[in-house]
Amino acid sequence: MNDLTKKSCVPCRGGIDPLEEAQAREMLTSTPGWKLLDDATKIRGEFKLNDFATTLDLVNKISALAEVEGHHPDISFGWGYCNVIFYTHKIKGLHQNDFIMAAKVNELAKAD
């Protein structure tokens, strides 16, 4: 599979089918640490960090990336943890964009 970190999200306006579970499982191999949720309609990454300041820094980097890519996650965080969920609202499931973002978030987390 191509390096997802080199790709950019494309606008999804709906009208297409979400990835099937087998397709999502295949794409998941390019996003280590992420898990499928809710009948393969969402993916979640869980990140453990050393302190609150480092965690907040990662959340801010993810937020900036989401603005650039136009694809926004659900994020929950606190002292030493950050949980990120991606799915494509317009199609009520997963799209390649979700995996592109997961791969890019993994890169941001490695840098912290």
N, C-alpha and C. Protein backbone atom coordinates (compact mmCIF):
# COMPACT_ATOMS: atom_id res chain seq x y z
N MET A 1 0.85 -1.18 0.00
CA MET A 1 0.00 0.00 0.00
C MET A 1 0.89 1.24 0.00
N ASN A 2 0.46 2.25 -0.71
CA ASN A 2 1.21 3.50 -0.76
C ASN A 2 1.32 4.13 0.62
N ASP A 3 2.35 4.93 0.82
CA ASP A 3 2.54 5.62 2.09
C ASP A 3 1.43 6.66 2.24
N LEU A 4 0.54 6.42 3.17
CA LEU A 4 -0.61 7.30 3.36
C LEU A 4 -0.20 8.70 3.82
N THR A 5 0.96 8.82 4.47
CA THR A 5 1.38 10.14 4.95
C THR A 5 1.72 11.08 3.80
N LYS A 6 1.91 10.56 2.61
CA LYS A 6 2.24 11.37 1.44
C LYS A 6 0.98 11.84 0.70
N LYS A 7 -0.17 11.33 1.12
CA LYS A 7 -1.43 11.68 0.45
C LYS A 7 -2.13 12.80 1.22
N SER A 8 -3.07 13.44 0.54
CA SER A 8 -3.91 14.46 1.17
C SER A 8 -5.35 14.02 1.09
N CYS A 9 -6.14 14.49 2.03
CA CYS A 9 -7.56 14.19 2.03
C CYS A 9 -8.25 14.88 0.87
N VAL A 10 -9.23 14.19 0.31
CA VAL A 10 -10.03 14.77 -0.76
C VAL A 10 -11.43 15.03 -0.19
N PRO A 11 -12.06 16.11 -0.58
CA PRO A 11 -13.40 16.39 -0.04
C PRO A 11 -14.37 15.25 -0.33
N CYS A 12 -15.11 14.86 0.67
CA CYS A 12 -16.14 13.83 0.50
C CYS A 12 -17.48 14.50 0.69
N ARG A 13 -18.25 14.55 -0.35
CA ARG A 13 -19.54 15.21 -0.31
C ARG A 13 -20.69 14.21 -0.17
N GLY A 14 -20.35 12.96 0.11
CA GLY A 14 -21.39 11.94 0.23
C GLY A 14 -21.67 11.31 -1.11
N GLY A 15 -22.70 10.49 -1.15
CA GLY A 15 -23.09 9.85 -2.39
C GLY A 15 -22.21 8.67 -2.78
N ILE A 16 -21.31 8.27 -1.89
CA ILE A 16 -20.48 7.09 -2.15
C ILE A 16 -20.65 6.15 -0.96
N ASP A 17 -20.33 4.89 -1.19
CA ASP A 17 -20.42 3.92 -0.11
C ASP A 17 -19.18 3.99 0.77
N PRO A 18 -19.35 3.76 2.06
CA PRO A 18 -18.18 3.66 2.93
C PRO A 18 -17.40 2.39 2.60
N LEU A 19 -16.18 2.33 3.07
CA LEU A 19 -15.38 1.12 2.88
C LEU A 19 -16.07 -0.06 3.53
N GLU A 20 -15.97 -1.21 2.89
CA GLU A 20 -16.46 -2.44 3.51
C GLU A 20 -15.45 -2.87 4.56
N GLU A 21 -15.87 -3.72 5.48
CA GLU A 21 -15.00 -4.13 6.58
C GLU A 21 -13.68 -4.72 6.07
N ALA A 22 -13.71 -5.55 5.05
CA ALA A 22 -12.48 -6.15 4.52
C ALA A 22 -11.53 -5.07 4.00
N GLN A 23 -12.07 -4.07 3.32
CA GLN A 23 -11.24 -2.97 2.81
C GLN A 23 -10.66 -2.18 3.98
N ALA A 24 -11.47 -1.93 5.00
CA ALA A 24 -11.01 -1.18 6.17
C ALA A 24 -9.90 -1.96 6.88
N ARG A 25 -10.05 -3.27 7.02
CA ARG A 25 -9.02 -4.08 7.67
C ARG A 25 -7.71 -4.03 6.88
N GLU A 26 -7.81 -4.03 5.57
CA GLU A 26 -6.62 -3.93 4.72
C GLU A 26 -5.92 -2.59 4.94
N MET A 27 -6.68 -1.52 4.95
CA MET A 27 -6.10 -0.19 5.14
C MET A 27 -5.54 -0.02 6.55
N LEU A 28 -6.13 -0.71 7.51
CA LEU A 28 -5.69 -0.63 8.90
C LEU A 28 -4.24 -1.10 9.05
N THR A 29 -3.77 -1.95 8.15
CA THR A 29 -2.38 -2.42 8.22
C THR A 29 -1.38 -1.28 8.03
N SER A 30 -1.82 -0.18 7.45
CA SER A 30 -0.95 0.98 7.24
C SER A 30 -1.02 1.98 8.39
N THR A 31 -1.81 1.67 9.40
CA THR A 31 -1.97 2.58 10.53
C THR A 31 -1.79 1.81 11.84
N PRO A 32 -0.55 1.42 12.16
CA PRO A 32 -0.30 0.63 13.37
C PRO A 32 -0.87 1.29 14.62
N GLY A 33 -1.48 0.46 15.46
CA GLY A 33 -2.02 0.94 16.72
C GLY A 33 -3.48 1.38 16.66
N TRP A 34 -4.02 1.53 15.48
CA TRP A 34 -5.41 1.95 15.34
C TRP A 34 -6.30 0.72 15.32
N LYS A 35 -7.55 0.90 15.80
CA LYS A 35 -8.50 -0.20 15.88
C LYS A 35 -9.80 0.19 15.20
N LEU A 36 -10.48 -0.80 14.64
CA LEU A 36 -11.81 -0.59 14.08
C LEU A 36 -12.83 -0.56 15.21
N LEU A 37 -13.82 0.29 15.07
CA LEU A 37 -14.91 0.40 16.04
C LEU A 37 -16.25 0.34 15.32
N ASP A 38 -17.28 0.06 16.08
CA ASP A 38 -18.68 0.18 15.62
C ASP A 38 -18.91 -0.46 14.26
N ASP A 39 -18.69 -1.76 14.18
CA ASP A 39 -18.90 -2.51 12.93
C ASP A 39 -18.10 -1.94 11.77
N ALA A 40 -16.86 -1.57 12.06
CA ALA A 40 -15.91 -1.07 11.05
C ALA A 40 -16.39 0.23 10.39
N THR A 41 -17.04 1.08 11.19
CA THR A 41 -17.47 2.38 10.66
C THR A 41 -16.61 3.53 11.19
N LYS A 42 -15.72 3.21 12.16
CA LYS A 42 -14.85 4.22 12.75
C LYS A 42 -13.50 3.57 13.07
N ILE A 43 -12.46 4.41 13.20
CA ILE A 43 -11.18 3.93 13.70
C ILE A 43 -10.75 4.79 14.88
N ARG A 44 -10.04 4.15 15.85
CA ARG A 44 -9.59 4.86 17.03
C ARG A 44 -8.11 4.59 17.28
N GLY A 45 -7.41 5.67 17.57
CA GLY A 45 -6.03 5.58 18.00
C GLY A 45 -5.93 6.07 19.43
N GLU A 46 -5.16 5.35 20.25
CA GLU A 46 -4.97 5.71 21.65
C GLU A 46 -3.49 5.99 21.86
N PHE A 47 -3.18 7.15 22.41
CA PHE A 47 -1.79 7.56 22.59
C PHE A 47 -1.54 7.84 24.06
N LYS A 48 -0.46 7.26 24.57
CA LYS A 48 -0.02 7.50 25.95
C LYS A 48 1.16 8.44 25.90
N LEU A 49 1.11 9.48 26.72
CA LEU A 49 2.18 10.48 26.75
C LEU A 49 2.65 10.69 28.17
N ASN A 50 3.72 11.44 28.34
CA ASN A 50 4.36 11.56 29.64
C ASN A 50 3.72 12.54 30.60
N ASP A 51 2.99 13.53 30.07
CA ASP A 51 2.42 14.54 30.96
C ASP A 51 1.34 15.31 30.21
N PHE A 52 0.70 16.21 30.91
CA PHE A 52 -0.40 16.97 30.32
C PHE A 52 0.08 17.91 29.22
N ALA A 53 1.18 18.60 29.44
CA ALA A 53 1.68 19.57 28.45
C ALA A 53 2.01 18.88 27.13
N THR A 54 2.63 17.72 27.18
CA THR A 54 2.96 16.97 25.96
C THR A 54 1.69 16.50 25.27
N THR A 55 0.72 16.07 26.07
CA THR A 55 -0.55 15.63 25.52
C THR A 55 -1.26 16.78 24.81
N LEU A 56 -1.33 17.92 25.46
CA LEU A 56 -1.98 19.09 24.87
C LEU A 56 -1.26 19.52 23.59
N ASP A 57 0.04 19.43 23.57
CA ASP A 57 0.81 19.76 22.37
C ASP A 57 0.41 18.84 21.21
N LEU A 58 0.28 17.54 21.49
CA LEU A 58 -0.15 16.62 20.43
C LEU A 58 -1.56 16.96 19.96
N VAL A 59 -2.46 17.23 20.88
CA VAL A 59 -3.84 17.60 20.50
C VAL A 59 -3.83 18.84 19.61
N ASN A 60 -3.02 19.83 19.94
CA ASN A 60 -2.94 21.04 19.12
C ASN A 60 -2.37 20.74 17.73
N LYS A 61 -1.40 19.86 17.65
CA LYS A 61 -0.84 19.48 16.34
C LYS A 61 -1.87 18.73 15.50
N ILE A 62 -2.62 17.84 16.14
CA ILE A 62 -3.68 17.11 15.42
C ILE A 62 -4.73 18.10 14.94
N SER A 63 -5.09 19.06 15.76
CA SER A 63 -6.09 20.07 15.38
C SER A 63 -5.63 20.88 14.18
N ALA A 64 -4.37 21.29 14.18
CA ALA A 64 -3.82 22.06 13.06
C ALA A 64 -3.82 21.22 11.79
N LEU A 65 -3.43 19.96 11.89
CA LEU A 65 -3.45 19.06 10.74
C LEU A 65 -4.88 18.91 10.20
N ALA A 66 -5.84 18.73 11.11
CA ALA A 66 -7.23 18.58 10.70
C ALA A 66 -7.73 19.79 9.93
N GLU A 67 -7.33 20.97 10.35
CA GLU A 67 -7.72 22.19 9.63
C GLU A 67 -7.12 22.22 8.24
N VAL A 68 -5.85 21.86 8.12
CA VAL A 68 -5.18 21.86 6.81
C VAL A 68 -5.83 20.84 5.88
N GLU A 69 -6.12 19.65 6.40
CA GLU A 69 -6.67 18.57 5.58
C GLU A 69 -8.19 18.66 5.40
N GLY A 70 -8.84 19.47 6.23
CA GLY A 70 -10.30 19.57 6.13
C GLY A 70 -11.01 18.30 6.57
N HIS A 71 -10.39 17.57 7.49
CA HIS A 71 -10.98 16.32 7.98
C HIS A 71 -10.75 16.25 9.48
N HIS A 72 -11.82 16.34 10.25
CA HIS A 72 -11.72 16.59 11.68
C HIS A 72 -12.12 15.37 12.51
N PRO A 73 -11.28 15.03 13.50
CA PRO A 73 -11.57 13.88 14.37
C PRO A 73 -12.36 14.27 15.60
N ASP A 74 -12.80 13.26 16.31
CA ASP A 74 -13.27 13.42 17.68
C ASP A 74 -12.06 13.12 18.55
N ILE A 75 -11.74 14.03 19.46
CA ILE A 75 -10.56 13.88 20.31
C ILE A 75 -10.98 13.98 21.77
N SER A 76 -10.50 13.04 22.58
CA SER A 76 -10.64 13.16 24.03
C SER A 76 -9.23 13.02 24.61
N PHE A 77 -8.96 13.81 25.65
CA PHE A 77 -7.61 13.77 26.22
C PHE A 77 -7.62 14.22 27.66
N GLY A 78 -6.56 13.89 28.33
CA GLY A 78 -6.35 14.29 29.71
C GLY A 78 -4.89 14.08 30.03
N TRP A 79 -4.56 14.03 31.30
CA TRP A 79 -3.18 13.88 31.71
C TRP A 79 -2.62 12.56 31.17
N GLY A 80 -1.71 12.66 30.20
CA GLY A 80 -0.98 11.51 29.70
C GLY A 80 -1.70 10.63 28.69
N TYR A 81 -2.86 11.05 28.20
CA TYR A 81 -3.53 10.22 27.17
C TYR A 81 -4.26 11.11 26.17
N CYS A 82 -4.37 10.57 24.97
CA CYS A 82 -5.11 11.23 23.89
C CYS A 82 -5.75 10.14 23.05
N ASN A 83 -7.07 10.18 22.92
CA ASN A 83 -7.80 9.23 22.09
C ASN A 83 -8.39 9.98 20.90
N VAL A 84 -8.19 9.42 19.71
CA VAL A 84 -8.60 10.08 18.47
C VAL A 84 -9.49 9.12 17.69
N ILE A 85 -10.63 9.59 17.25
CA ILE A 85 -11.55 8.78 16.44
C ILE A 85 -11.79 9.50 15.12
N PHE A 86 -11.62 8.73 14.04
CA PHE A 86 -11.92 9.23 12.70
C PHE A 86 -13.04 8.42 12.08
N TYR A 87 -13.90 9.09 11.36
CA TYR A 87 -14.87 8.49 10.45
C TYR A 87 -15.39 9.62 9.58
N THR A 88 -16.00 9.26 8.49
CA THR A 88 -16.49 10.26 7.56
C THR A 88 -17.99 10.42 7.76
N HIS A 89 -18.37 11.55 8.34
CA HIS A 89 -19.76 11.81 8.71
C HIS A 89 -20.70 11.70 7.51
N LYS A 90 -20.29 12.24 6.38
CA LYS A 90 -21.17 12.30 5.20
C LYS A 90 -21.60 10.92 4.71
N ILE A 91 -20.75 9.91 4.92
CA ILE A 91 -21.08 8.56 4.44
C ILE A 91 -21.34 7.60 5.60
N LYS A 92 -21.29 8.12 6.83
CA LYS A 92 -21.56 7.32 8.03
C LYS A 92 -20.69 6.07 8.08
N GLY A 93 -19.41 6.26 7.76
CA GLY A 93 -18.48 5.14 7.77
C GLY A 93 -17.09 5.60 7.43
N LEU A 94 -16.28 4.66 6.99
CA LEU A 94 -14.87 4.94 6.73
C LEU A 94 -14.60 5.21 5.25
N HIS A 95 -13.65 6.10 5.04
CA HIS A 95 -13.19 6.51 3.72
C HIS A 95 -11.66 6.52 3.79
N GLN A 96 -11.01 6.51 2.66
CA GLN A 96 -9.55 6.55 2.66
C GLN A 96 -9.03 7.75 3.47
N ASN A 97 -9.74 8.86 3.47
CA ASN A 97 -9.32 10.04 4.23
C ASN A 97 -9.07 9.71 5.70
N ASP A 98 -9.88 8.85 6.28
CA ASP A 98 -9.73 8.51 7.69
C ASP A 98 -8.39 7.84 7.95
N PHE A 99 -7.96 7.00 7.03
CA PHE A 99 -6.69 6.30 7.19
C PHE A 99 -5.50 7.20 6.87
N ILE A 100 -5.69 8.12 5.94
CA ILE A 100 -4.65 9.12 5.68
C ILE A 100 -4.40 9.93 6.95
N MET A 101 -5.47 10.36 7.58
CA MET A 101 -5.32 11.15 8.80
C MET A 101 -4.72 10.32 9.93
N ALA A 102 -5.13 9.07 10.07
CA ALA A 102 -4.57 8.21 11.12
C ALA A 102 -3.06 8.04 10.92
N ALA A 103 -2.64 7.83 9.70
CA ALA A 103 -1.20 7.68 9.43
C ALA A 103 -0.46 8.97 9.76
N LYS A 104 -1.04 10.09 9.44
CA LYS A 104 -0.39 11.38 9.74
C LYS A 104 -0.38 11.66 11.24
N VAL A 105 -1.42 11.27 11.95
CA VAL A 105 -1.44 11.43 13.40
C VAL A 105 -0.35 10.55 14.03
N ASN A 106 -0.17 9.33 13.50
CA ASN A 106 0.91 8.48 14.01
C ASN A 106 2.25 9.17 13.87
N GLU A 107 2.47 9.84 12.76
CA GLU A 107 3.74 10.56 12.55
C GLU A 107 3.89 11.69 13.57
N LEU A 108 2.81 12.41 13.83
CA LEU A 108 2.87 13.49 14.83
C LEU A 108 3.18 12.92 16.21
N ALA A 109 2.57 11.79 16.54
CA ALA A 109 2.77 11.19 17.86
C ALA A 109 4.22 10.69 18.01
N LYS A 110 4.80 10.21 16.94
CA LYS A 110 6.21 9.77 17.00
C LYS A 110 7.14 10.93 17.31
N ALA A 111 6.79 12.11 16.81
CA ALA A 111 7.63 13.30 17.00
C ALA A 111 7.59 13.80 18.45
N ASP A 112 6.52 13.45 19.18
CA ASP A 112 6.39 13.92 20.58
C ASP A 112 7.14 13.05 21.54
